[in-house]
Amino acid sequence: MLDKLQSGKKAPPDDPLNLERSYGKFMRRAEVARELKFTSPAALRMARQRGALKLQAIKVPGRREHLYLTNEVAAILIEWMSHASEEMPM
């Protein structure tokens, strides 16, 4: 995803990582786990249960699986990237 930021292609201001273009407004747990680099959807669920990941699940009537707002996932990725760049030695 970082490549998309550095590639010169401009994403809409509300979707800097182009996640919404790829997934739409909502993402499934497996998609979120993939983008956040968790080993599995179960690992994502455990991180949420421990409070290590501030990501709100949305229960949609008529669907068994919870969904997640794509812009919240993008915000987490951007936050992680900013922390990683602060920690990198020059």
N, C-alpha and C. Protein backbone atom coordinates (compact mmCIF):
# COMPACT_ATOMS: atom_id res chain seq x y z
N MET A 1 0.81 -1.18 0.00
CA MET A 1 0.00 0.00 0.00
C MET A 1 0.86 1.25 0.00
N LEU A 2 2.04 1.19 0.64
CA LEU A 2 2.92 2.34 0.67
C LEU A 2 3.34 2.72 -0.74
N ASP A 3 3.50 1.72 -1.62
CA ASP A 3 3.87 1.99 -3.01
C ASP A 3 2.83 2.88 -3.68
N LYS A 4 1.58 2.69 -3.36
CA LYS A 4 0.52 3.51 -3.95
C LYS A 4 0.67 4.97 -3.55
N LEU A 5 1.15 5.21 -2.31
CA LEU A 5 1.35 6.58 -1.88
C LEU A 5 2.54 7.22 -2.59
N GLN A 6 3.56 6.42 -2.89
CA GLN A 6 4.78 6.96 -3.46
C GLN A 6 4.80 6.90 -4.97
N SER A 7 3.82 6.28 -5.61
CA SER A 7 3.86 6.04 -7.05
C SER A 7 3.60 7.28 -7.90
N GLY A 8 3.15 8.36 -7.30
CA GLY A 8 2.85 9.55 -8.06
C GLY A 8 1.39 9.64 -8.45
N LYS A 9 0.66 8.53 -8.42
CA LYS A 9 -0.78 8.56 -8.69
C LYS A 9 -1.46 9.19 -7.50
N LYS A 10 -2.32 10.14 -7.77
CA LYS A 10 -3.01 10.81 -6.68
C LYS A 10 -4.34 10.13 -6.42
N ALA A 11 -4.54 9.76 -5.18
CA ALA A 11 -5.81 9.18 -4.76
C ALA A 11 -6.69 10.32 -4.26
N PRO A 12 -7.98 10.10 -4.20
CA PRO A 12 -8.86 11.12 -3.62
C PRO A 12 -8.41 11.44 -2.20
N PRO A 13 -8.58 12.68 -1.74
CA PRO A 13 -8.09 13.05 -0.42
C PRO A 13 -8.66 12.22 0.73
N ASP A 14 -9.87 11.72 0.57
CA ASP A 14 -10.46 10.91 1.63
C ASP A 14 -10.09 9.43 1.51
N ASP A 15 -9.29 9.06 0.51
CA ASP A 15 -8.87 7.67 0.30
C ASP A 15 -7.41 7.63 -0.15
N PRO A 16 -6.48 8.08 0.69
CA PRO A 16 -5.09 8.20 0.25
C PRO A 16 -4.41 6.88 -0.10
N LEU A 17 -4.91 5.76 0.40
CA LEU A 17 -4.30 4.47 0.11
C LEU A 17 -5.03 3.69 -0.99
N ASN A 18 -6.05 4.29 -1.56
CA ASN A 18 -6.86 3.65 -2.61
C ASN A 18 -7.59 2.40 -2.12
N LEU A 19 -7.78 2.25 -0.83
CA LEU A 19 -8.50 1.08 -0.33
C LEU A 19 -9.96 1.11 -0.74
N GLU A 20 -10.56 2.29 -0.69
CA GLU A 20 -11.98 2.38 -1.03
C GLU A 20 -12.20 2.05 -2.50
N ARG A 21 -11.26 2.41 -3.33
CA ARG A 21 -11.37 2.06 -4.75
C ARG A 21 -11.29 0.55 -4.94
N SER A 22 -10.48 -0.12 -4.10
CA SER A 22 -10.32 -1.56 -4.21
C SER A 22 -11.46 -2.35 -3.57
N TYR A 23 -11.94 -1.87 -2.41
CA TYR A 23 -12.90 -2.65 -1.62
C TYR A 23 -14.28 -2.03 -1.50
N GLY A 24 -14.44 -0.78 -1.77
CA GLY A 24 -15.70 -0.11 -1.52
C GLY A 24 -15.71 0.47 -0.12
N LYS A 25 -16.88 0.86 0.36
CA LYS A 25 -16.99 1.51 1.68
C LYS A 25 -16.76 0.55 2.84
N PHE A 26 -16.99 -0.74 2.61
CA PHE A 26 -16.87 -1.73 3.67
C PHE A 26 -15.91 -2.83 3.27
N MET A 27 -15.26 -3.41 4.27
CA MET A 27 -14.34 -4.52 4.05
C MET A 27 -14.74 -5.69 4.93
N ARG A 28 -14.52 -6.90 4.42
CA ARG A 28 -14.74 -8.11 5.21
C ARG A 28 -13.53 -8.35 6.11
N ARG A 29 -13.69 -9.18 7.11
CA ARG A 29 -12.61 -9.46 8.06
C ARG A 29 -11.36 -10.00 7.36
N ALA A 30 -11.52 -10.89 6.42
CA ALA A 30 -10.37 -11.45 5.72
C ALA A 30 -9.62 -10.37 4.93
N GLU A 31 -10.34 -9.43 4.36
CA GLU A 31 -9.71 -8.34 3.61
C GLU A 31 -8.94 -7.41 4.55
N VAL A 32 -9.54 -7.11 5.70
CA VAL A 32 -8.88 -6.26 6.69
C VAL A 32 -7.62 -6.95 7.20
N ALA A 33 -7.73 -8.24 7.51
CA ALA A 33 -6.57 -8.99 7.99
C ALA A 33 -5.45 -8.96 6.96
N ARG A 34 -5.78 -9.10 5.69
CA ARG A 34 -4.78 -9.08 4.62
C ARG A 34 -4.10 -7.71 4.55
N GLU A 35 -4.88 -6.64 4.57
CA GLU A 35 -4.32 -5.29 4.45
C GLU A 35 -3.48 -4.89 5.67
N LEU A 36 -3.90 -5.34 6.85
CA LEU A 36 -3.17 -5.01 8.07
C LEU A 36 -2.07 -6.03 8.38
N LYS A 37 -1.88 -6.99 7.49
CA LYS A 37 -0.81 -7.99 7.57
C LYS A 37 -0.92 -8.91 8.78
N PHE A 38 -2.15 -9.24 9.17
CA PHE A 38 -2.34 -10.25 10.20
C PHE A 38 -2.21 -11.62 9.53
N THR A 39 -1.81 -12.61 10.29
CA THR A 39 -1.62 -13.94 9.72
C THR A 39 -2.93 -14.61 9.33
N SER A 40 -4.02 -14.19 9.98
CA SER A 40 -5.32 -14.79 9.67
C SER A 40 -6.42 -13.86 10.18
N PRO A 41 -7.65 -14.08 9.71
CA PRO A 41 -8.78 -13.32 10.27
C PRO A 41 -8.95 -13.57 11.77
N ALA A 42 -8.61 -14.77 12.23
CA ALA A 42 -8.72 -15.08 13.66
C ALA A 42 -7.72 -14.23 14.46
N ALA A 43 -6.53 -14.00 13.92
CA ALA A 43 -5.54 -13.16 14.60
C ALA A 43 -6.04 -11.72 14.70
N LEU A 44 -6.72 -11.24 13.66
CA LEU A 44 -7.32 -9.91 13.69
C LEU A 44 -8.38 -9.84 14.79
N ARG A 45 -9.22 -10.86 14.86
CA ARG A 45 -10.28 -10.89 15.88
C ARG A 45 -9.68 -10.87 17.28
N MET A 46 -8.61 -11.63 17.49
CA MET A 46 -7.96 -11.68 18.81
C MET A 46 -7.35 -10.32 19.17
N ALA A 47 -6.75 -9.65 18.21
CA ALA A 47 -6.17 -8.32 18.46
C ALA A 47 -7.26 -7.34 18.86
N ARG A 48 -8.41 -7.42 18.21
CA ARG A 48 -9.53 -6.55 18.57
C ARG A 48 -10.02 -6.87 19.98
N GLN A 49 -10.13 -8.16 20.31
CA GLN A 49 -10.62 -8.55 21.63
C GLN A 49 -9.67 -8.10 22.74
N ARG A 50 -8.37 -8.12 22.47
CA ARG A 50 -7.37 -7.68 23.46
C ARG A 50 -7.31 -6.17 23.59
N GLY A 51 -7.92 -5.46 22.63
CA GLY A 51 -7.88 -4.01 22.65
C GLY A 51 -6.65 -3.43 21.97
N ALA A 52 -5.89 -4.27 21.29
CA ALA A 52 -4.67 -3.82 20.61
C ALA A 52 -4.98 -3.13 19.29
N LEU A 53 -6.20 -3.26 18.83
CA LEU A 53 -6.58 -2.70 17.54
C LEU A 53 -7.92 -1.99 17.73
N LYS A 54 -7.91 -0.69 17.52
CA LYS A 54 -9.15 0.08 17.69
C LYS A 54 -9.88 0.15 16.36
N LEU A 55 -10.61 -0.90 16.10
CA LEU A 55 -11.36 -1.03 14.85
C LEU A 55 -12.75 -1.52 15.19
N GLN A 56 -13.75 -0.76 14.81
CA GLN A 56 -15.13 -1.08 15.15
C GLN A 56 -15.74 -2.00 14.10
N ALA A 57 -16.30 -3.11 14.53
CA ALA A 57 -17.02 -4.02 13.63
C ALA A 57 -18.46 -3.55 13.51
N ILE A 58 -19.00 -3.71 12.32
CA ILE A 58 -20.38 -3.29 12.05
C ILE A 58 -21.19 -4.54 11.73
N LYS A 59 -22.26 -4.74 12.45
CA LYS A 59 -23.17 -5.86 12.19
C LYS A 59 -24.22 -5.39 11.20
N VAL A 60 -24.26 -6.05 10.06
CA VAL A 60 -25.22 -5.70 9.02
C VAL A 60 -26.35 -6.72 9.07
N PRO A 61 -27.58 -6.26 9.17
CA PRO A 61 -28.71 -7.20 9.21
C PRO A 61 -28.72 -8.09 7.97
N GLY A 62 -28.97 -9.36 8.20
CA GLY A 62 -29.05 -10.31 7.10
C GLY A 62 -27.71 -10.91 6.70
N ARG A 63 -26.63 -10.50 7.37
CA ARG A 63 -25.31 -11.05 7.07
C ARG A 63 -24.72 -11.63 8.35
N ARG A 64 -24.07 -12.76 8.22
CA ARG A 64 -23.45 -13.37 9.38
C ARG A 64 -22.16 -12.66 9.77
N GLU A 65 -21.40 -12.28 8.77
CA GLU A 65 -20.09 -11.69 9.01
C GLU A 65 -20.20 -10.19 9.31
N HIS A 66 -19.36 -9.73 10.23
CA HIS A 66 -19.27 -8.30 10.51
C HIS A 66 -18.44 -7.64 9.41
N LEU A 67 -18.71 -6.37 9.19
CA LEU A 67 -17.96 -5.60 8.21
C LEU A 67 -17.23 -4.47 8.91
N TYR A 68 -16.27 -3.89 8.23
CA TYR A 68 -15.45 -2.82 8.78
C TYR A 68 -15.42 -1.67 7.78
N LEU A 69 -15.43 -0.43 8.29
CA LEU A 69 -15.37 0.73 7.42
C LEU A 69 -13.97 0.83 6.81
N THR A 70 -13.92 0.93 5.51
CA THR A 70 -12.65 1.00 4.80
C THR A 70 -11.83 2.20 5.24
N ASN A 71 -12.49 3.34 5.47
CA ASN A 71 -11.72 4.53 5.86
C ASN A 71 -11.09 4.37 7.25
N GLU A 72 -11.68 3.56 8.13
CA GLU A 72 -11.07 3.30 9.43
C GLU A 72 -9.82 2.43 9.28
N VAL A 73 -9.89 1.46 8.38
CA VAL A 73 -8.73 0.61 8.11
C VAL A 73 -7.61 1.47 7.53
N ALA A 74 -7.94 2.34 6.59
CA ALA A 74 -6.94 3.23 6.00
C ALA A 74 -6.32 4.14 7.06
N ALA A 75 -7.14 4.64 7.98
CA ALA A 75 -6.62 5.51 9.05
C ALA A 75 -5.63 4.76 9.93
N ILE A 76 -5.91 3.50 10.22
CA ILE A 76 -4.99 2.69 11.02
C ILE A 76 -3.67 2.51 10.28
N LEU A 77 -3.74 2.19 9.00
CA LEU A 77 -2.52 2.02 8.20
C LEU A 77 -1.70 3.30 8.15
N ILE A 78 -2.35 4.42 7.96
CA ILE A 78 -1.64 5.70 7.91
C ILE A 78 -0.98 6.00 9.25
N GLU A 79 -1.69 5.71 10.34
CA GLU A 79 -1.12 5.92 11.68
C GLU A 79 0.10 5.04 11.88
N TRP A 80 0.00 3.77 11.49
CA TRP A 80 1.13 2.85 11.63
C TRP A 80 2.32 3.31 10.80
N MET A 81 2.06 3.78 9.58
CA MET A 81 3.15 4.25 8.71
C MET A 81 3.82 5.49 9.30
N SER A 82 3.04 6.38 9.90
CA SER A 82 3.63 7.58 10.48
C SER A 82 4.49 7.22 11.68
N HIS A 83 4.05 6.24 12.49
CA HIS A 83 4.85 5.80 13.63
C HIS A 83 6.12 5.10 13.16
N ALA A 84 6.02 4.34 12.09
CA ALA A 84 7.18 3.63 11.56
C ALA A 84 8.21 4.63 11.02
N SER A 85 7.76 5.69 10.37
CA SER A 85 8.71 6.67 9.83
C SER A 85 9.36 7.47 10.96
N GLU A 86 8.67 7.66 12.06
CA GLU A 86 9.25 8.36 13.21
C GLU A 86 10.32 7.52 13.88
N GLU A 87 10.15 6.21 13.86
CA GLU A 87 11.07 5.31 14.54
C GLU A 87 12.28 4.95 13.69
N MET A 88 12.25 5.22 12.40
CA MET A 88 13.35 4.84 11.52
C MET A 88 14.56 5.75 11.78
N PRO A 89 15.72 5.15 12.01
CA PRO A 89 16.92 5.97 12.21
C PRO A 89 17.37 6.58 10.88
N MET A 90 17.91 7.75 10.94
CA MET A 90 18.37 8.43 9.73
C MET A 90 19.78 8.07 9.42
